[in-house]
Amino acid sequence: MRIAQVSPLTESVPPQFYGGTERVVAYLTDELVRLGHQVTLFATGDSRTSAALCPVSPTALRLGGSGHDDVAPHLLMLEQVAKRTREFDLVHFHVAHIHFPLARRLDRAHVTTLHGRLDIMELAPLYREFQDIPVVSISDAQREPLPDAGWVATIHHGLPLDLLPFQPQPGRYLAFLGRVSPEKRVDRAIEIAKACNQRLRIAAKVDRADRPYFEREIRHLLDHPLVEFIGEIDEAPKADFLGGATALLFPIDWPEPFGLVMIEALACGVPVVAFRGGSVVEIIDRGRTGFIVDTMAEAVEATRQVARLDRGHCRAEFERRFSASRMAHDYAALYEHLLSRRRKRQPAFGAA
């Protein structure tokens, strides 16, 4: 198949530092190429891919853009996609809903994976209007706020099997990896570590929008002998950071759409202690690859018990359920289905 992948421009593909959506686009794109498909990636110029790259902005907007208008480069990219649409059998969008009016008028099969949170009041009327746009959820839980959307599949994320090596040895600390934001609740992770008298290492970025929250609610909590704040890390040290942990703490306070860091931890053999929310119950095999908790007391007790879980089983479950190969095969099957459905709807040549 001739496939276009349309990525957000916030980060490069894959990102230099933090970034879930662009990382998934990178793994999916490269795996589709490996399967023999002709793939064109619309992304930033500093992206690294085995596909044909169509660079839109020179660098990732978060790192190199002015920050004044991120919509303009995305609209420019959509215009480039529209001009080249006849080169592709199918266009796969990863840019939320900004392209919906264009997609409705495309003379090609298309699909959109929704990567973000959907429990936002303004989205309900939009997705009712665009029920004809086929969309993919990254967890079943992600769908719940928008039952009227044009859902065609749920496809869990996957990672290359050789990306993060298995670390069979017991860990030496607790880990938190992600963003410092109200919904990610790094403050809970700190309290859990203190209650368990265990070291906590925090590798997290602080977005500009979350800086006031960080300064007001979090910075003073970092001044504790058990807590080490590393800041944002890139892909290179991630294997050692996660692999050296006893457990990943995932103390969220929001309907998590997927939570890529959970399967990154499992890839290293590291179990997860997660608060119930969104996709968590779909990712974690309770009592085998981690624990799912509802209260701080449960989280503390689970963290005290988590070292008993089999790290080998965590890795095995990752390989069985969350590989990039499985993800790419799922998407390729969906592409074939959408192309077949489109062919059936088109009248035969010469028909009235």
Protein backbone atom coordinates (compact mmCIF):
# COMPACT_ATOMS: atom_id res chain seq x y z
CA MET A 1 0.00 0.00 0.00
CA ARG A 2 0.98 3.63 -0.53
CA ILE A 3 0.42 5.23 2.88
CA ALA A 4 0.78 8.79 4.13
CA GLN A 5 1.44 9.28 7.84
CA VAL A 6 0.60 12.82 9.02
CA SER A 7 2.27 13.65 12.32
CA PRO A 8 1.96 16.59 14.69
CA LEU A 9 4.78 19.10 14.36
CA THR A 10 5.20 19.76 18.06
CA GLU A 11 8.02 17.21 18.25
CA SER A 12 10.24 15.51 15.72
CA VAL A 13 9.53 11.89 14.73
CA PRO A 14 10.74 10.35 16.97
CA PRO A 15 11.05 13.11 19.59
CA GLN A 16 14.44 14.17 20.89
CA PHE A 17 13.02 14.20 24.42
CA TYR A 18 9.47 13.67 25.73
CA GLY A 19 6.64 13.02 23.30
CA GLY A 20 4.22 10.13 23.08
CA THR A 21 2.31 10.69 19.83
CA GLU A 22 5.35 11.37 17.66
CA ARG A 23 7.15 8.37 19.16
CA VAL A 24 4.28 6.07 18.22
CA VAL A 25 4.17 7.56 14.72
CA ALA A 26 7.88 6.80 14.36
CA TYR A 27 7.55 3.17 15.41
CA LEU A 28 4.46 2.60 13.27
CA THR A 29 5.99 4.24 10.20
CA ASP A 30 9.24 2.30 10.35
CA GLU A 31 7.45 -0.99 10.94
CA LEU A 32 5.11 -0.40 7.98
CA VAL A 33 8.17 0.24 5.80
CA ARG A 34 9.72 -2.99 7.09
CA LEU A 35 6.54 -4.82 6.09
CA GLY A 36 7.01 -3.60 2.51
CA HIS A 37 4.59 -0.68 2.31
CA GLN A 38 5.46 2.61 0.59
CA VAL A 39 5.17 5.20 3.33
CA THR A 40 5.49 8.99 3.19
CA LEU A 41 5.83 10.79 6.50
CA PHE A 42 4.66 14.40 6.83
CA ALA A 43 6.58 15.72 9.83
CA THR A 44 9.34 18.08 10.93
CA GLY A 45 12.59 18.34 9.01
CA ASP A 46 14.62 17.03 11.95
CA SER A 47 12.70 13.74 11.96
CA ARG A 48 14.51 10.42 11.43
CA THR A 49 12.62 7.80 9.44
CA SER A 50 13.00 4.95 6.99
CA ALA A 51 10.01 6.35 5.07
CA ALA A 52 10.07 9.15 2.51
CA LEU A 53 10.08 12.34 4.57
CA CYS A 54 8.05 15.38 3.58
CA PRO A 55 9.43 18.08 5.91
CA VAL A 56 7.00 20.85 6.82
CA SER A 57 8.73 22.88 9.53
CA PRO A 58 12.54 22.74 9.81
CA THR A 59 12.53 21.64 13.45
CA ALA A 60 10.14 20.54 16.17
CA LEU A 61 7.92 23.47 17.13
CA ARG A 62 8.47 22.97 20.86
CA LEU A 63 12.23 23.20 20.50
CA GLY A 64 12.73 25.53 17.56
CA GLY A 65 9.48 27.36 16.86
CA SER A 66 8.51 30.87 17.95
CA GLY A 67 5.62 29.54 20.01
CA HIS A 68 3.29 32.28 18.78
CA ASP A 69 1.16 30.29 16.31
CA ASP A 70 1.48 26.51 16.11
CA VAL A 71 -1.70 26.22 14.02
CA ALA A 72 -0.19 27.89 10.95
CA PRO A 73 2.47 25.20 10.27
CA HIS A 74 -0.13 22.47 10.71
CA LEU A 75 -2.46 24.12 8.20
CA LEU A 76 0.44 24.39 5.77
CA MET A 77 1.09 20.68 6.21
CA LEU A 78 -2.54 19.79 5.57
CA GLU A 79 -2.44 21.79 2.34
CA GLN A 80 0.62 19.80 1.25
CA VAL A 81 -1.21 16.56 2.05
CA ALA A 82 -4.21 17.71 0.02
CA LYS A 83 -2.04 18.56 -2.98
CA ARG A 84 -0.40 15.12 -2.94
CA THR A 85 -3.39 12.98 -1.97
CA ARG A 86 -3.54 11.12 -5.32
CA GLU A 87 -0.08 9.69 -4.60
CA PHE A 88 -1.49 7.59 -1.76
CA ASP A 89 -3.95 4.77 -1.27
CA LEU A 90 -4.68 5.89 2.29
CA VAL A 91 -3.86 8.85 4.51
CA HIS A 92 -3.39 8.25 8.24
CA PHE A 93 -3.75 11.38 10.38
CA HIS A 94 -2.40 11.82 13.92
CA VAL A 95 -3.27 15.52 14.37
CA ALA A 96 -6.42 15.32 16.51
CA HIS A 97 -9.35 16.92 14.62
CA ILE A 98 -7.89 19.98 12.90
CA HIS A 99 -8.08 18.22 9.52
CA PHE A 100 -11.69 16.99 9.70
CA PRO A 101 -13.14 19.44 7.13
CA LEU A 102 -10.33 18.49 4.72
CA ALA A 103 -10.66 14.76 5.38
CA ARG A 104 -14.38 14.86 4.63
CA ARG A 105 -13.52 16.12 1.13
CA LEU A 106 -10.52 13.91 0.41
CA ASP A 107 -10.82 11.65 -2.61
CA ARG A 108 -8.91 8.93 -0.78
CA ALA A 109 -9.37 6.50 2.06
CA HIS A 110 -8.28 7.97 5.37
CA VAL A 111 -8.27 7.26 9.09
CA THR A 112 -7.40 9.27 12.19
CA THR A 113 -5.88 7.99 15.40
CA LEU A 114 -6.90 10.08 18.39
CA HIS A 115 -4.02 10.25 20.85
CA GLY A 116 -5.27 12.70 23.47
CA ARG A 117 -7.92 13.08 26.13
CA LEU A 118 -11.47 13.37 24.85
CA ASP A 119 -13.41 14.33 28.00
CA ILE A 120 -13.66 17.95 26.86
CA MET A 121 -17.08 19.55 26.60
CA GLU A 122 -16.50 21.26 23.23
CA LEU A 123 -15.60 17.99 21.50
CA ALA A 124 -19.01 16.30 21.73
CA PRO A 125 -20.84 18.45 19.10
CA LEU A 126 -17.78 18.39 16.83
CA TYR A 127 -17.58 14.60 16.75
CA ARG A 128 -21.37 14.30 16.27
CA GLU A 129 -21.04 16.50 13.18
CA PHE A 130 -18.10 14.46 11.84
CA GLN A 131 -19.41 10.96 12.50
CA ASP A 132 -18.40 10.04 8.94
CA ILE A 133 -14.70 10.50 9.77
CA PRO A 134 -13.26 7.07 10.72
CA VAL A 135 -11.32 7.31 13.95
CA VAL A 136 -9.19 4.91 15.99
CA SER A 137 -8.98 4.88 19.78
CA ILE A 138 -5.77 3.90 21.56
CA SER A 139 -7.76 2.32 24.39
CA ASP A 140 -11.38 1.35 24.84
CA ALA A 141 -11.57 3.72 27.81
CA GLN A 142 -10.60 6.67 25.61
CA ARG A 143 -13.87 6.31 23.69
CA GLU A 144 -16.24 6.75 26.61
CA PRO A 145 -16.75 10.54 26.44
CA LEU A 146 -17.53 10.45 22.68
CA PRO A 147 -19.87 7.54 21.89
CA ASP A 148 -21.06 9.30 18.71
CA ALA A 149 -17.63 9.43 17.06
CA GLY A 150 -16.94 7.33 13.98
CA TRP A 151 -15.01 4.60 15.78
CA VAL A 152 -13.63 1.85 13.57
CA ALA A 153 -11.06 0.18 15.88
CA THR A 154 -9.14 0.27 19.12
CA ILE A 155 -5.43 -0.34 18.56
CA HIS A 156 -3.06 -0.31 21.52
CA HIS A 157 0.36 1.23 21.06
CA GLY A 158 3.47 -0.90 20.52
CA LEU A 159 7.24 -0.55 20.78
CA PRO A 160 10.09 -2.20 18.87
CA LEU A 161 11.17 -5.34 20.72
CA ASP A 162 14.80 -4.25 20.71
CA LEU A 163 14.16 -0.69 21.88
CA LEU A 164 14.41 -1.28 25.63
CA PRO A 165 16.36 -4.30 26.89
CA PHE A 166 15.05 -6.60 29.60
CA GLN A 167 16.65 -5.95 32.99
CA PRO A 168 16.21 -9.11 35.11
CA GLN A 169 17.98 -7.82 38.22
CA PRO A 170 15.93 -6.34 41.09
CA GLY A 171 15.65 -2.58 41.00
CA ARG A 172 17.22 -0.08 43.36
CA TYR A 173 14.67 2.75 43.42
CA LEU A 174 11.18 3.82 42.38
CA ALA A 175 10.79 5.67 39.09
CA PHE A 176 8.48 8.39 37.79
CA LEU A 177 8.75 9.22 34.08
CA GLY A 178 6.60 11.71 32.17
CA ARG A 179 5.38 15.25 32.71
CA VAL A 180 5.03 17.37 35.81
CA SER A 181 1.37 18.37 35.61
CA PRO A 182 -1.71 18.25 37.84
CA GLU A 183 -3.10 15.14 36.13
CA LYS A 184 0.15 13.15 36.36
CA ARG A 185 0.41 13.66 40.15
CA VAL A 186 4.13 13.45 40.79
CA ASP A 187 3.24 14.70 44.29
CA ARG A 188 1.57 11.34 44.91
CA ALA A 189 4.71 9.53 43.77
CA ILE A 190 6.78 11.53 46.27
CA GLU A 191 4.40 10.72 49.12
CA ILE A 192 4.41 7.01 48.22
CA ALA A 193 8.21 6.90 48.20
CA LYS A 194 8.45 8.68 51.54
CA ALA A 195 5.88 6.35 53.13
CA CYS A 196 7.83 3.32 51.84
CA ASN A 197 11.21 4.85 52.73
CA GLN A 198 12.43 4.17 49.20
CA ARG A 199 14.39 6.35 46.80
CA LEU A 200 12.40 8.02 44.04
CA ARG A 201 14.00 9.21 40.82
CA ILE A 202 11.89 11.62 38.74
CA ALA A 203 12.61 12.07 35.03
CA ALA A 204 10.03 14.56 33.88
CA LYS A 205 9.62 17.63 31.73
CA VAL A 206 7.86 20.79 32.78
CA ASP A 207 5.88 22.41 29.98
CA ARG A 208 5.55 26.16 29.89
CA ALA A 209 1.86 25.87 30.74
CA ASP A 210 2.67 23.76 33.82
CA ARG A 211 5.53 25.92 35.12
CA PRO A 212 3.35 27.87 37.64
CA TYR A 213 2.00 24.55 38.99
CA PHE A 214 5.54 23.20 39.30
CA GLU A 215 6.78 26.27 41.17
CA ARG A 216 3.73 26.48 43.44
CA GLU A 217 3.00 22.82 44.22
CA ILE A 218 6.00 20.64 43.40
CA ARG A 219 9.38 22.37 43.72
CA HIS A 220 9.41 22.39 47.52
CA LEU A 221 8.58 18.66 47.58
CA LEU A 222 11.83 17.88 45.75
CA ASP A 223 13.91 19.03 48.71
CA HIS A 224 13.94 15.61 50.39
CA PRO A 225 16.82 13.13 50.72
CA LEU A 226 14.81 10.31 49.11
CA VAL A 227 13.86 12.37 46.04
CA GLU A 228 16.06 12.98 42.99
CA PHE A 229 14.71 15.23 40.24
CA ILE A 230 16.55 14.53 36.98
CA GLY A 231 14.39 16.57 34.61
CA GLU A 232 13.56 15.70 31.03
CA ILE A 233 15.57 12.85 29.50
CA ASP A 234 15.96 11.66 25.93
CA GLU A 235 15.72 8.10 24.63
CA ALA A 236 19.35 7.08 25.31
CA PRO A 237 19.26 6.98 29.14
CA LYS A 238 15.69 5.72 29.35
CA ALA A 239 16.62 2.03 29.36
CA ASP A 240 18.95 2.42 32.33
CA PHE A 241 16.56 4.76 34.13
CA LEU A 242 13.57 2.41 33.85
CA GLY A 243 15.50 -0.85 33.96
CA GLY A 244 17.15 0.08 37.24
CA ALA A 245 13.82 0.66 38.98
CA THR A 246 11.98 -1.63 41.37
CA ALA A 247 8.72 -0.27 40.00
CA LEU A 248 7.29 2.51 37.88
CA LEU A 249 4.89 4.73 39.80
CA PHE A 250 1.99 5.88 37.63
CA PRO A 251 -0.15 7.84 40.10
CA ILE A 252 -2.43 9.55 37.58
CA ASP A 253 -5.52 11.59 38.40
CA TRP A 254 -7.19 11.73 34.97
CA PRO A 255 -8.64 9.42 32.28
CA GLU A 256 -5.31 8.39 30.74
CA PRO A 257 -5.80 7.66 26.98
CA PHE A 258 -2.97 5.09 26.95
CA GLY A 259 0.18 5.80 28.97
CA LEU A 260 3.14 4.79 26.82
CA VAL A 261 5.48 4.79 29.82
CA MET A 262 3.64 1.78 31.27
CA ILE A 263 4.62 -0.47 28.37
CA GLU A 264 8.11 1.05 28.29
CA ALA A 265 8.49 -0.12 31.89
CA LEU A 266 7.12 -3.58 31.09
CA ALA A 267 9.60 -3.86 28.22
CA CYS A 268 12.39 -3.46 30.78
CA GLY A 269 10.76 -6.03 33.06
CA VAL A 270 9.64 -3.38 35.55
CA PRO A 271 6.19 -3.76 37.14
CA VAL A 272 3.86 -0.78 37.46
CA VAL A 273 1.93 0.62 40.42
CA ALA A 274 -0.86 2.66 38.84
CA PHE A 275 -3.91 4.51 40.04
CA ARG A 276 -7.09 3.37 38.32
CA GLY A 277 -8.04 5.66 35.43
CA GLY A 278 -8.59 5.50 31.71
CA SER A 279 -6.55 2.79 30.00
CA VAL A 280 -4.79 1.46 33.10
CA VAL A 281 -7.06 -1.59 33.49
CA GLU A 282 -6.41 -2.49 29.82
CA ILE A 283 -2.63 -2.31 30.12
CA ILE A 284 -1.78 -3.73 33.55
CA ASP A 285 -2.42 -7.39 34.41
CA ARG A 286 -3.26 -6.90 38.05
CA GLY A 287 -1.09 -8.93 40.39
CA ARG A 288 1.19 -10.08 37.57
CA THR A 289 2.60 -7.04 35.76
CA GLY A 290 1.71 -4.56 38.48
CA PHE A 291 -0.98 -3.34 40.81
CA ILE A 292 -3.98 -1.09 40.20
CA VAL A 293 -4.95 1.03 43.19
CA ASP A 294 -7.66 3.49 44.17
CA THR A 295 -6.23 5.14 47.28
CA MET A 296 -2.90 6.30 48.62
CA ALA A 297 -3.01 3.61 51.30
CA GLU A 298 -3.42 0.95 48.60
CA ALA A 299 -0.61 2.53 46.58
CA VAL A 300 1.78 2.41 49.52
CA GLU A 301 0.96 -1.23 50.26
CA ALA A 302 1.25 -2.21 46.59
CA THR A 303 4.64 -0.51 46.34
CA ARG A 304 5.86 -2.46 49.35
CA GLN A 305 4.80 -5.71 47.65
CA VAL A 306 5.74 -4.98 44.03
CA ALA A 307 9.27 -6.39 44.19
CA ARG A 308 7.70 -9.85 44.53
CA LEU A 309 6.34 -9.72 40.98
CA ASP A 310 8.15 -11.63 38.23
CA ARG A 311 10.10 -9.24 36.01
CA GLY A 312 10.35 -11.95 33.36
CA HIS A 313 6.57 -12.12 33.14
CA CYS A 314 6.42 -8.33 32.68
CA ARG A 315 8.75 -8.61 29.70
CA ALA A 316 6.86 -11.59 28.27
CA GLU A 317 3.55 -9.73 28.43
CA PHE A 318 5.13 -6.74 26.71
CA GLU A 319 6.37 -8.96 23.88
CA ARG A 320 3.01 -10.68 23.54
CA ARG A 321 0.75 -7.63 23.64
CA PHE A 322 2.67 -4.42 22.97
CA SER A 323 5.16 -4.88 20.13
CA ALA A 324 5.45 -2.44 17.22
CA SER A 325 5.01 -5.41 14.89
CA ARG A 326 1.62 -6.25 16.39
CA MET A 327 0.59 -2.58 16.19
CA ALA A 328 1.62 -2.27 12.54
CA HIS A 329 -0.15 -5.49 11.54
CA ASP A 330 -3.32 -4.24 13.27
CA TYR A 331 -3.16 -0.95 11.39
CA ALA A 332 -2.38 -2.65 8.05
CA ALA A 333 -5.44 -4.86 8.49
CA LEU A 334 -7.54 -1.78 9.25
CA TYR A 335 -6.18 0.01 6.18
CA GLU A 336 -7.18 -2.96 4.00
CA HIS A 337 -10.65 -2.94 5.54
CA LEU A 338 -11.11 0.78 4.89
CA LEU A 339 -9.87 0.46 1.31
CA SER A 340 -12.22 -2.47 0.70
CA ARG A 341 -15.13 -0.54 2.18
CA ARG A 342 -14.32 2.45 -0.01
CA ARG A 343 -14.13 0.31 -3.18
CA LYS A 344 -17.56 -1.16 -2.46
CA ARG A 345 -19.07 2.30 -2.13
CA GLN A 346 -17.68 3.56 -5.43
CA PRO A 347 -19.77 2.92 -8.55
CA ALA A 348 -18.28 0.82 -11.29
CA PHE A 349 -16.58 2.65 -14.19
CA GLY A 350 -19.19 4.04 -16.55
CA ALA A 351 -22.10 3.53 -14.14
CA ALA A 352 -24.81 6.14 -14.14
